[in-house]
């Protein structure tokens, strides 16, 4: 894979996957494409000097937290745009949405990549404002693409693994098991 000079150079399947990813994380396709253009020029094996890699430059710490090991492992295992968007990139955004809140604006999307703790904040630090400013020029290129309508083929982050529903079901199961153990240990004993 190589860097692309324009979002219009993505294949039809890549454009569809990007549209599906955008819909699944609650944003628009041109904004998400602008992030990828800034971070990697759509190159899934791009690695920066800090060791962050892939389409959205996932750090080693985030790669490890998501269960991918390292950024290098992500680019080695998910070396094409489609598999990376459907795997690590979706996992990354799902994690940030779960922990910091939904993406409701272009600024929130930028912060999900640059400084997730700033998602939903109306006032952000100067370095975050600079980052948002770096992404904006890419919007004209990505907005010019005739993006496909999302078919919704990627899971909704609210239903993806690690969702609140999964957490609730695990807790209910643990409580039910603990209750059963309590009653078993405190049952009346037979006398012989």
N, C-alpha and C. Protein backbone atom coordinates (compact mmCIF):
# COMPACT_ATOMS: atom_id res chain seq x y z
N UNK A 1 0.85 -1.18 0.00
CA UNK A 1 0.00 0.00 0.00
C UNK A 1 0.89 1.24 0.00
N UNK A 2 0.36 2.29 -0.52
CA UNK A 2 1.12 3.53 -0.54
C UNK A 2 0.23 4.69 -0.12
N UNK A 3 0.89 5.80 0.09
CA UNK A 3 0.16 7.02 0.44
C UNK A 3 -0.65 7.48 -0.77
N UNK A 4 -1.77 8.09 -0.49
CA UNK A 4 -2.62 8.62 -1.56
C UNK A 4 -2.63 10.14 -1.45
N UNK A 5 -2.67 10.79 -2.57
CA UNK A 5 -2.70 12.25 -2.56
C UNK A 5 -4.12 12.79 -2.44
N UNK A 6 -5.11 11.91 -2.62
CA UNK A 6 -6.50 12.34 -2.57
C UNK A 6 -7.41 11.20 -2.12
N UNK A 7 -8.45 11.55 -1.38
CA UNK A 7 -9.42 10.55 -0.93
C UNK A 7 -10.13 9.90 -2.11
N UNK A 8 -10.19 10.60 -3.25
CA UNK A 8 -10.85 10.05 -4.44
C UNK A 8 -10.09 8.86 -5.02
N UNK A 9 -8.84 8.65 -4.59
CA UNK A 9 -8.05 7.52 -5.08
C UNK A 9 -8.34 6.22 -4.34
N UNK A 10 -9.15 6.28 -3.28
CA UNK A 10 -9.55 5.06 -2.58
C UNK A 10 -10.42 4.22 -3.51
N UNK A 11 -10.32 2.92 -3.41
CA UNK A 11 -11.17 2.04 -4.23
C UNK A 11 -12.63 2.16 -3.76
N UNK A 12 -13.54 1.68 -4.57
CA UNK A 12 -14.97 1.72 -4.20
C UNK A 12 -15.21 0.96 -2.90
N UNK A 13 -14.56 -0.20 -2.73
CA UNK A 13 -14.72 -0.98 -1.49
C UNK A 13 -14.15 -0.23 -0.29
N UNK A 14 -13.01 0.45 -0.48
CA UNK A 14 -12.42 1.23 0.61
C UNK A 14 -13.32 2.41 0.97
N UNK A 15 -13.90 3.06 -0.04
CA UNK A 15 -14.81 4.17 0.22
C UNK A 15 -16.04 3.68 0.98
N UNK A 16 -16.56 2.50 0.60
CA UNK A 16 -17.73 1.95 1.29
C UNK A 16 -17.39 1.60 2.74
N UNK A 17 -16.24 1.00 2.96
CA UNK A 17 -15.82 0.64 4.32
C UNK A 17 -15.65 1.89 5.17
N UNK A 18 -15.07 2.94 4.59
CA UNK A 18 -14.90 4.20 5.31
C UNK A 18 -16.25 4.81 5.66
N UNK A 19 -17.20 4.76 4.72
CA UNK A 19 -18.54 5.27 4.99
C UNK A 19 -19.22 4.47 6.10
N UNK A 20 -19.05 3.15 6.08
CA UNK A 20 -19.63 2.29 7.12
C UNK A 20 -19.00 2.60 8.48
N UNK A 21 -17.68 2.78 8.50
CA UNK A 21 -16.98 3.10 9.74
C UNK A 21 -17.47 4.43 10.30
N UNK A 22 -17.57 5.43 9.44
CA UNK A 22 -18.05 6.74 9.88
C UNK A 22 -19.44 6.63 10.49
N UNK A 23 -20.33 5.91 9.82
CA UNK A 23 -21.69 5.75 10.34
C UNK A 23 -21.68 5.02 11.68
N UNK A 24 -20.83 4.01 11.81
CA UNK A 24 -20.83 3.22 13.04
C UNK A 24 -20.29 4.00 14.24
N UNK A 25 -19.46 5.00 14.01
CA UNK A 25 -18.94 5.79 15.14
C UNK A 25 -19.66 7.12 15.29
N UNK A 26 -20.65 7.38 14.45
CA UNK A 26 -21.48 8.56 14.61
C UNK A 26 -20.91 9.84 14.03
N UNK A 27 -20.19 9.71 12.92
CA UNK A 27 -19.65 10.92 12.28
C UNK A 27 -19.93 10.85 10.79
N UNK A 28 -19.48 11.86 10.07
CA UNK A 28 -19.66 11.87 8.62
C UNK A 28 -18.38 11.39 7.93
N UNK A 29 -18.54 10.86 6.75
CA UNK A 29 -17.43 10.26 6.01
C UNK A 29 -16.34 11.28 5.65
N UNK A 30 -16.68 12.47 5.13
CA UNK A 30 -15.61 13.41 4.78
C UNK A 30 -14.73 13.79 5.97
N UNK A 31 -15.32 13.95 7.15
CA UNK A 31 -14.53 14.31 8.33
C UNK A 31 -13.58 13.19 8.73
N UNK A 32 -14.08 11.94 8.71
CA UNK A 32 -13.22 10.81 9.05
C UNK A 32 -12.12 10.64 8.01
N UNK A 33 -12.46 10.84 6.75
CA UNK A 33 -11.45 10.76 5.69
C UNK A 33 -10.39 11.84 5.87
N UNK A 34 -10.79 13.03 6.29
CA UNK A 34 -9.84 14.11 6.51
C UNK A 34 -8.85 13.76 7.61
N UNK A 35 -9.33 13.09 8.66
CA UNK A 35 -8.44 12.64 9.74
C UNK A 35 -7.39 11.68 9.17
N UNK A 36 -7.85 10.69 8.39
CA UNK A 36 -6.92 9.70 7.83
C UNK A 36 -5.95 10.33 6.84
N UNK A 37 -6.43 11.32 6.09
CA UNK A 37 -5.54 12.01 5.15
C UNK A 37 -4.43 12.72 5.91
N UNK A 38 -4.77 13.40 7.00
CA UNK A 38 -3.77 14.10 7.81
C UNK A 38 -2.82 13.14 8.50
N UNK A 39 -3.37 12.10 9.10
CA UNK A 39 -2.56 11.19 9.93
C UNK A 39 -1.63 10.30 9.11
N UNK A 40 -2.10 9.79 7.98
CA UNK A 40 -1.32 8.77 7.26
C UNK A 40 -1.36 8.87 5.74
N UNK A 41 -2.06 9.85 5.19
CA UNK A 41 -2.30 9.91 3.74
C UNK A 41 -2.89 8.59 3.26
N UNK A 42 -3.76 8.02 4.10
CA UNK A 42 -4.47 6.76 3.82
C UNK A 42 -3.53 5.56 3.68
N UNK A 43 -2.33 5.67 4.24
CA UNK A 43 -1.35 4.57 4.17
C UNK A 43 -1.47 3.73 5.45
N UNK A 44 -1.99 2.50 5.36
CA UNK A 44 -2.20 1.69 6.55
C UNK A 44 -0.91 1.21 7.21
N UNK A 45 0.22 1.31 6.52
CA UNK A 45 1.48 0.89 7.13
C UNK A 45 2.37 2.08 7.49
N UNK A 46 1.80 3.28 7.52
CA UNK A 46 2.56 4.47 7.90
C UNK A 46 2.93 4.38 9.38
N UNK A 47 4.16 4.78 9.68
CA UNK A 47 4.66 4.78 11.06
C UNK A 47 5.38 6.10 11.28
N UNK A 48 5.03 6.80 12.37
CA UNK A 48 5.71 8.08 12.61
C UNK A 48 6.92 7.89 13.52
N UNK A 49 7.64 8.96 13.78
CA UNK A 49 8.87 8.91 14.58
C UNK A 49 8.62 8.48 16.03
N UNK A 50 7.39 8.65 16.51
CA UNK A 50 7.05 8.27 17.87
C UNK A 50 6.63 6.81 17.99
N UNK A 51 6.57 6.11 16.85
CA UNK A 51 6.15 4.71 16.87
C UNK A 51 4.65 4.51 16.78
N UNK A 52 3.92 5.57 16.44
CA UNK A 52 2.48 5.45 16.23
C UNK A 52 2.28 4.98 14.80
N UNK A 53 1.32 4.07 14.58
CA UNK A 53 1.20 3.52 13.24
C UNK A 53 -0.22 3.34 12.75
N UNK A 54 -0.33 3.18 11.44
CA UNK A 54 -1.59 2.88 10.80
C UNK A 54 -2.33 4.10 10.30
N UNK A 55 -3.57 3.88 9.88
CA UNK A 55 -4.39 4.92 9.26
C UNK A 55 -4.62 6.13 10.15
N UNK A 56 -4.78 5.89 11.48
CA UNK A 56 -5.00 7.02 12.39
C UNK A 56 -3.88 7.14 13.41
N UNK A 57 -2.74 6.47 13.13
CA UNK A 57 -1.55 6.58 13.96
C UNK A 57 -1.84 6.19 15.42
N UNK A 58 -2.21 4.94 15.62
CA UNK A 58 -2.50 4.40 16.95
C UNK A 58 -1.17 4.20 17.69
N UNK A 59 -1.12 4.67 18.92
CA UNK A 59 0.10 4.55 19.73
C UNK A 59 0.29 3.11 20.21
N UNK A 60 1.50 2.81 20.64
CA UNK A 60 1.78 1.48 21.20
C UNK A 60 0.93 1.22 22.44
N UNK A 61 0.77 2.23 23.29
CA UNK A 61 -0.03 2.06 24.50
C UNK A 61 -1.48 1.73 24.15
N UNK A 62 -2.05 2.45 23.17
CA UNK A 62 -3.43 2.17 22.77
C UNK A 62 -3.55 0.82 22.08
N UNK A 63 -2.56 0.47 21.26
CA UNK A 63 -2.58 -0.84 20.59
C UNK A 63 -2.58 -1.95 21.63
N UNK A 64 -1.76 -1.81 22.66
CA UNK A 64 -1.71 -2.82 23.72
C UNK A 64 -3.02 -2.87 24.49
N UNK A 65 -3.58 -1.71 24.82
CA UNK A 65 -4.85 -1.66 25.57
C UNK A 65 -5.99 -2.30 24.79
N UNK A 66 -5.93 -2.20 23.48
CA UNK A 66 -6.99 -2.77 22.63
C UNK A 66 -6.76 -4.24 22.33
N UNK A 67 -5.64 -4.79 22.77
CA UNK A 67 -5.35 -6.20 22.54
C UNK A 67 -4.61 -6.51 21.25
N UNK A 68 -4.05 -5.49 20.62
CA UNK A 68 -3.32 -5.69 19.37
C UNK A 68 -1.81 -5.79 19.58
N UNK A 69 -1.35 -5.64 20.80
CA UNK A 69 0.08 -5.76 21.09
C UNK A 69 0.83 -4.46 20.92
N UNK A 70 1.06 -4.08 19.68
CA UNK A 70 1.82 -2.86 19.39
C UNK A 70 1.34 -2.26 18.07
N UNK A 71 1.77 -1.03 17.83
CA UNK A 71 1.46 -0.38 16.55
C UNK A 71 2.07 -1.16 15.39
N UNK A 72 3.27 -1.65 15.60
CA UNK A 72 3.93 -2.44 14.55
C UNK A 72 3.12 -3.70 14.24
N UNK A 73 2.57 -4.33 15.28
CA UNK A 73 1.74 -5.52 15.06
C UNK A 73 0.48 -5.17 14.26
N UNK A 74 -0.08 -4.00 14.54
CA UNK A 74 -1.27 -3.57 13.78
C UNK A 74 -0.93 -3.45 12.30
N UNK A 75 0.17 -2.76 11.99
CA UNK A 75 0.47 -2.56 10.57
C UNK A 75 0.97 -3.84 9.90
N UNK A 76 1.54 -4.76 10.68
CA UNK A 76 1.95 -6.05 10.11
C UNK A 76 0.74 -6.95 9.84
N UNK A 77 -0.21 -6.94 10.76
CA UNK A 77 -1.37 -7.84 10.67
C UNK A 77 -2.50 -7.26 9.82
N UNK A 78 -2.68 -5.96 9.88
CA UNK A 78 -3.77 -5.28 9.16
C UNK A 78 -3.14 -4.31 8.16
N UNK A 79 -2.48 -4.85 7.16
CA UNK A 79 -1.68 -4.03 6.26
C UNK A 79 -2.46 -3.42 5.10
N UNK A 80 -3.77 -3.71 5.02
CA UNK A 80 -4.58 -3.07 3.98
C UNK A 80 -5.62 -2.16 4.64
N UNK A 81 -6.11 -1.21 3.91
CA UNK A 81 -7.02 -0.20 4.45
C UNK A 81 -8.30 -0.82 5.01
N UNK A 82 -8.90 -1.74 4.28
CA UNK A 82 -10.20 -2.29 4.69
C UNK A 82 -10.09 -3.05 6.01
N UNK A 83 -9.13 -3.98 6.11
CA UNK A 83 -9.04 -4.76 7.35
C UNK A 83 -8.66 -3.87 8.53
N UNK A 84 -7.86 -2.85 8.29
CA UNK A 84 -7.47 -1.97 9.38
C UNK A 84 -8.66 -1.13 9.86
N UNK A 85 -9.48 -0.65 8.91
CA UNK A 85 -10.66 0.11 9.31
C UNK A 85 -11.65 -0.77 10.07
N UNK A 86 -11.84 -2.00 9.61
CA UNK A 86 -12.80 -2.90 10.23
C UNK A 86 -12.30 -3.48 11.56
N UNK A 87 -10.99 -3.47 11.78
CA UNK A 87 -10.42 -4.03 13.00
C UNK A 87 -9.94 -2.97 13.96
N UNK A 88 -8.64 -2.65 13.93
CA UNK A 88 -8.07 -1.74 14.92
C UNK A 88 -8.69 -0.33 14.95
N UNK A 89 -9.01 0.23 13.80
CA UNK A 89 -9.55 1.59 13.80
C UNK A 89 -10.94 1.61 14.44
N UNK A 90 -11.80 0.66 14.09
CA UNK A 90 -13.12 0.56 14.73
C UNK A 90 -12.96 0.31 16.22
N UNK A 91 -12.06 -0.59 16.60
CA UNK A 91 -11.83 -0.87 18.03
C UNK A 91 -11.37 0.38 18.77
N UNK A 92 -10.47 1.12 18.15
CA UNK A 92 -9.94 2.34 18.77
C UNK A 92 -11.07 3.33 19.04
N UNK A 93 -11.86 3.65 18.01
CA UNK A 93 -12.94 4.62 18.20
C UNK A 93 -13.99 4.10 19.18
N UNK A 94 -14.32 2.82 19.11
CA UNK A 94 -15.30 2.25 20.04
C UNK A 94 -14.84 2.43 21.48
N UNK A 95 -13.56 2.18 21.72
CA UNK A 95 -12.99 2.34 23.06
C UNK A 95 -13.09 3.79 23.52
N UNK A 96 -12.71 4.73 22.66
CA UNK A 96 -12.73 6.15 23.04
C UNK A 96 -14.16 6.63 23.30
N UNK A 97 -15.10 6.18 22.47
CA UNK A 97 -16.51 6.57 22.66
C UNK A 97 -17.02 6.01 23.98
N UNK A 98 -16.70 4.77 24.28
CA UNK A 98 -17.16 4.14 25.52
C UNK A 98 -16.62 4.89 26.74
N UNK A 99 -15.36 5.31 26.69
CA UNK A 99 -14.73 5.92 27.86
C UNK A 99 -14.86 7.44 27.94
N UNK A 100 -15.03 8.12 26.81
CA UNK A 100 -15.03 9.58 26.85
C UNK A 100 -16.30 10.22 26.30
N UNK A 101 -17.18 9.44 25.69
CA UNK A 101 -18.44 9.98 25.20
C UNK A 101 -18.55 9.95 23.69
N UNK A 102 -19.76 10.23 23.19
CA UNK A 102 -20.01 10.15 21.75
C UNK A 102 -19.34 11.27 20.97
N UNK A 103 -19.17 11.01 19.70
CA UNK A 103 -18.61 12.00 18.78
C UNK A 103 -19.77 12.79 18.21
N UNK A 104 -19.87 14.05 18.62
CA UNK A 104 -20.99 14.89 18.20
C UNK A 104 -20.59 16.03 17.29
N UNK A 105 -19.28 16.15 17.00
CA UNK A 105 -18.84 17.27 16.18
C UNK A 105 -17.51 16.92 15.51
N UNK A 106 -17.11 17.76 14.59
CA UNK A 106 -15.80 17.60 13.94
C UNK A 106 -14.70 17.69 14.99
N UNK A 107 -14.83 18.62 15.92
CA UNK A 107 -13.84 18.76 16.99
C UNK A 107 -13.75 17.48 17.81
N UNK A 108 -14.90 16.88 18.17
CA UNK A 108 -14.89 15.62 18.93
C UNK A 108 -14.16 14.52 18.17
N UNK A 109 -14.39 14.44 16.87
CA UNK A 109 -13.71 13.42 16.07
C UNK A 109 -12.20 13.64 16.09
N UNK A 110 -11.78 14.89 15.91
CA UNK A 110 -10.35 15.20 15.97
C UNK A 110 -9.77 14.85 17.34
N UNK A 111 -10.51 15.16 18.39
CA UNK A 111 -10.03 14.87 19.74
C UNK A 111 -10.00 13.38 20.04
N UNK A 112 -10.89 12.61 19.42
CA UNK A 112 -10.87 11.16 19.61
C UNK A 112 -9.53 10.58 19.18
N UNK A 113 -8.91 11.21 18.18
CA UNK A 113 -7.61 10.75 17.69
C UNK A 113 -6.47 11.43 18.44
N UNK A 114 -6.57 12.70 18.70
CA UNK A 114 -5.45 13.47 19.24
C UNK A 114 -5.40 13.51 20.77
N UNK A 115 -6.55 13.73 21.40
CA UNK A 115 -6.61 13.86 22.86
C UNK A 115 -8.01 13.47 23.35
N UNK A 116 -8.27 12.15 23.45
CA UNK A 116 -9.63 11.67 23.73
C UNK A 116 -10.30 12.28 24.97
N UNK A 117 -9.53 12.65 25.97
CA UNK A 117 -10.13 13.26 27.16
C UNK A 117 -10.82 14.58 26.84
N UNK A 118 -10.55 15.17 25.68
CA UNK A 118 -11.15 16.44 25.27
C UNK A 118 -12.47 16.25 24.51
N UNK A 119 -12.89 14.99 24.26
CA UNK A 119 -14.17 14.75 23.57
C UNK A 119 -15.30 15.39 24.37
N UNK A 120 -16.14 16.15 23.69
CA UNK A 120 -17.29 16.78 24.33
C UNK A 120 -17.01 18.10 25.01
N UNK A 121 -15.76 18.51 25.05
CA UNK A 121 -15.40 19.78 25.70
C UNK A 121 -15.63 20.93 24.73
N UNK A 122 -16.15 22.03 25.24
CA UNK A 122 -16.37 23.19 24.36
C UNK A 122 -15.09 24.00 24.21
N UNK A 123 -14.27 24.00 25.25
CA UNK A 123 -13.01 24.72 25.20
C UNK A 123 -11.87 23.70 25.29
N UNK A 124 -10.97 23.75 24.31
CA UNK A 124 -9.87 22.79 24.28
C UNK A 124 -8.53 23.53 24.30
N UNK A 125 -7.47 22.88 24.78
CA UNK A 125 -6.16 23.54 24.83
C UNK A 125 -5.66 23.97 23.45
N UNK A 126 -4.70 24.87 23.45
CA UNK A 126 -4.16 25.44 22.21
C UNK A 126 -3.60 24.38 21.27
N UNK A 127 -2.87 23.37 21.82
CA UNK A 127 -2.31 22.35 20.94
C UNK A 127 -3.42 21.55 20.25
N UNK A 128 -4.53 21.36 20.95
CA UNK A 128 -5.68 20.65 20.35
C UNK A 128 -6.31 21.51 19.25
N UNK A 129 -6.41 22.81 19.49
CA UNK A 129 -6.94 23.72 18.47
C UNK A 129 -6.05 23.72 17.23
N UNK A 130 -4.74 23.67 17.44
CA UNK A 130 -3.80 23.61 16.32
C UNK A 130 -4.03 22.34 15.51
N UNK A 131 -4.23 21.21 16.20
CA UNK A 131 -4.46 19.95 15.52
C UNK A 131 -5.73 20.01 14.67
N UNK A 132 -6.81 20.54 15.23
CA UNK A 132 -8.07 20.68 14.48
C UNK A 132 -7.82 21.54 13.24
N UNK A 133 -7.03 22.59 13.38
CA UNK A 133 -6.69 23.47 12.25
C UNK A 133 -5.90 22.74 11.17
N UNK A 134 -5.08 21.76 11.56
CA UNK A 134 -4.32 20.99 10.58
C UNK A 134 -5.21 20.05 9.77
N UNK A 135 -6.30 19.61 10.35
CA UNK A 135 -7.21 18.68 9.68
C UNK A 135 -8.11 19.42 8.69
N UNK A 136 -8.54 20.61 9.03
CA UNK A 136 -9.52 21.35 8.22
C UNK A 136 -9.17 21.48 6.75
N UNK A 137 -7.92 21.71 6.34
CA UNK A 137 -7.63 21.81 4.91
C UNK A 137 -7.96 20.52 4.13
N UNK A 138 -7.93 19.39 4.82
CA UNK A 138 -8.24 18.12 4.15
C UNK A 138 -9.74 17.97 3.88
N UNK A 139 -10.56 18.76 4.56
CA UNK A 139 -12.01 18.62 4.37
C UNK A 139 -12.45 18.96 2.96
N UNK A 140 -11.81 19.94 2.32
CA UNK A 140 -12.24 20.30 0.96
C UNK A 140 -12.01 19.14 0.01
N UNK A 141 -10.88 18.43 0.15
CA UNK A 141 -10.60 17.27 -0.70
C UNK A 141 -11.57 16.13 -0.42
N UNK A 142 -11.79 15.85 0.86
CA UNK A 142 -12.63 14.70 1.19
C UNK A 142 -14.11 14.98 0.96
N UNK A 143 -14.51 16.25 1.04
CA UNK A 143 -15.90 16.60 0.78
C UNK A 143 -16.23 16.55 -0.70
N UNK A 144 -15.20 16.65 -1.54
CA UNK A 144 -15.41 16.63 -2.99
C UNK A 144 -15.69 15.22 -3.52
N UNK A 145 -15.42 14.19 -2.70
CA UNK A 145 -15.63 12.81 -3.13
C UNK A 145 -17.12 12.47 -3.02
N UNK A 146 -17.62 11.72 -3.97
CA UNK A 146 -19.01 11.26 -3.92
C UNK A 146 -19.04 9.97 -3.11
N UNK A 147 -19.15 10.10 -1.79
CA UNK A 147 -19.08 8.95 -0.89
C UNK A 147 -20.33 8.10 -1.00
N UNK A 148 -20.19 6.77 -0.88
CA UNK A 148 -21.36 5.90 -0.90
C UNK A 148 -22.15 6.07 0.40
N UNK A 149 -23.41 5.72 0.32
CA UNK A 149 -24.24 5.72 1.51
C UNK A 149 -23.86 4.50 2.32
N UNK A 150 -23.73 4.68 3.61
CA UNK A 150 -23.32 3.56 4.46
C UNK A 150 -24.36 2.47 4.46
N UNK A 151 -23.88 1.26 4.29
CA UNK A 151 -24.77 0.10 4.37
C UNK A 151 -24.83 -0.46 5.77
N UNK A 152 -24.05 0.14 6.68
CA UNK A 152 -24.08 -0.29 8.07
C UNK A 152 -23.48 -1.67 8.28
N UNK A 153 -22.45 -2.03 7.50
CA UNK A 153 -21.90 -3.37 7.61
C UNK A 153 -20.95 -3.53 8.80
N UNK A 154 -20.54 -2.43 9.43
CA UNK A 154 -19.68 -2.53 10.60
C UNK A 154 -20.56 -2.46 11.85
N UNK A 155 -20.12 -3.11 12.93
CA UNK A 155 -20.95 -3.09 14.14
C UNK A 155 -21.02 -1.71 14.76
N UNK A 156 -22.14 -1.44 15.41
CA UNK A 156 -22.33 -0.21 16.15
C UNK A 156 -21.45 -0.30 17.39
N UNK A 157 -20.66 0.75 17.70
CA UNK A 157 -19.80 0.68 18.88
C UNK A 157 -20.57 0.35 20.16
N UNK A 158 -21.85 0.70 20.21
CA UNK A 158 -22.66 0.37 21.40
C UNK A 158 -22.96 -1.10 21.52
N UNK A 159 -22.81 -1.84 20.43
CA UNK A 159 -23.08 -3.28 20.49
C UNK A 159 -21.82 -4.09 20.27
N UNK A 160 -20.71 -3.40 20.02
CA UNK A 160 -19.45 -4.11 19.79
C UNK A 160 -18.95 -4.71 21.09
N UNK A 161 -18.01 -5.62 20.98
CA UNK A 161 -17.41 -6.25 22.15
C UNK A 161 -16.91 -5.18 23.10
N UNK A 162 -17.17 -5.38 24.37
CA UNK A 162 -16.75 -4.40 25.36
C UNK A 162 -17.81 -3.34 25.60
N UNK A 163 -19.01 -3.52 25.06
CA UNK A 163 -20.06 -2.53 25.23
C UNK A 163 -20.64 -2.58 26.63
N UNK A 164 -21.45 -1.60 26.95
CA UNK A 164 -22.10 -1.55 28.24
C UNK A 164 -23.00 -2.76 28.45
N UNK A 165 -23.71 -3.21 27.42
CA UNK A 165 -24.58 -4.37 27.54
C UNK A 165 -23.78 -5.60 27.92
N UNK A 166 -22.64 -5.79 27.29
CA UNK A 166 -21.78 -6.93 27.62
C UNK A 166 -21.33 -6.84 29.07
N UNK A 167 -20.93 -5.65 29.51
CA UNK A 167 -20.49 -5.46 30.89
C UNK A 167 -21.63 -5.80 31.86
N UNK A 168 -22.84 -5.37 31.55
CA UNK A 168 -24.00 -5.63 32.41
C UNK A 168 -24.27 -7.13 32.49
N UNK A 169 -24.22 -7.81 31.36
CA UNK A 169 -24.48 -9.25 31.36
C UNK A 169 -23.43 -10.01 32.17
N UNK A 170 -22.19 -9.59 32.09
CA UNK A 170 -21.12 -10.22 32.88
C UNK A 170 -21.38 -10.01 34.37
N UNK A 171 -21.78 -8.81 34.75
CA UNK A 171 -22.05 -8.52 36.16
C UNK A 171 -23.24 -9.34 36.65
N UNK A 172 -24.30 -9.42 35.85
CA UNK A 172 -25.47 -10.21 36.23
C UNK A 172 -25.09 -11.67 36.42
N UNK A 173 -24.29 -12.20 35.50
CA UNK A 173 -23.83 -13.59 35.63
C UNK A 173 -23.02 -13.81 36.89
N UNK A 174 -22.13 -12.88 37.20
CA UNK A 174 -21.30 -13.00 38.41
C UNK A 174 -22.15 -12.93 39.66
N UNK A 175 -23.14 -12.03 39.68
CA UNK A 175 -24.02 -11.92 40.85
C UNK A 175 -24.87 -13.17 41.02
N UNK A 176 -25.37 -13.71 39.91
CA UNK A 176 -26.17 -14.94 39.98
C UNK A 176 -25.32 -16.10 40.51
N UNK A 177 -24.10 -16.20 40.04
CA UNK A 177 -23.20 -17.26 40.53
C UNK A 177 -22.90 -17.08 42.01
N UNK A 178 -22.64 -15.85 42.42
CA UNK A 178 -22.33 -15.58 43.83
C UNK A 178 -23.54 -15.90 44.70
N UNK A 179 -24.73 -15.55 44.23
CA UNK A 179 -25.95 -15.86 44.99
C UNK A 179 -26.15 -17.36 45.13
N UNK A 180 -25.93 -18.09 44.07
CA UNK A 180 -26.06 -19.55 44.12
C UNK A 180 -25.05 -20.15 45.07
N UNK A 181 -23.84 -19.67 45.07
CA UNK A 181 -22.81 -20.16 45.98
C UNK A 181 -23.19 -19.85 47.43
N UNK A 182 -23.72 -18.65 47.67
CA UNK A 182 -24.15 -18.27 49.02
C UNK A 182 -25.20 -19.24 49.54
N UNK A 183 -26.24 -19.51 48.72
CA UNK A 183 -27.30 -20.42 49.16
C UNK A 183 -26.78 -21.84 49.34
N UNK A 184 -25.86 -22.27 48.50
CA UNK A 184 -25.30 -23.61 48.63
C UNK A 184 -24.52 -23.75 49.94
N UNK A 185 -23.71 -22.74 50.25
CA UNK A 185 -22.91 -22.80 51.47
C UNK A 185 -23.75 -22.65 52.73
N UNK A 186 -24.90 -22.01 52.63
CA UNK A 186 -25.75 -21.77 53.79
C UNK A 186 -26.99 -22.66 53.82
N UNK A 187 -27.00 -23.70 53.06
CA UNK A 187 -28.14 -24.60 53.05
C UNK A 187 -28.20 -25.37 54.36
N UNK A 188 -29.37 -25.81 54.74
CA UNK A 188 -29.46 -26.62 55.96
C UNK A 188 -28.70 -27.92 55.80
N UNK A 189 -27.98 -28.31 56.82
CA UNK A 189 -27.19 -29.54 56.77
C UNK A 189 -28.02 -30.72 57.28
N UNK A 190 -27.88 -31.86 56.62
CA UNK A 190 -28.56 -33.07 57.07
C UNK A 190 -27.80 -33.66 58.23
N UNK A 191 -28.51 -34.13 59.20
CA UNK A 191 -27.85 -34.81 60.32
C UNK A 191 -27.98 -36.29 60.10
N UNK A 192 -26.93 -36.97 60.30
CA UNK A 192 -26.90 -38.42 60.10
C UNK A 192 -27.08 -39.15 61.39
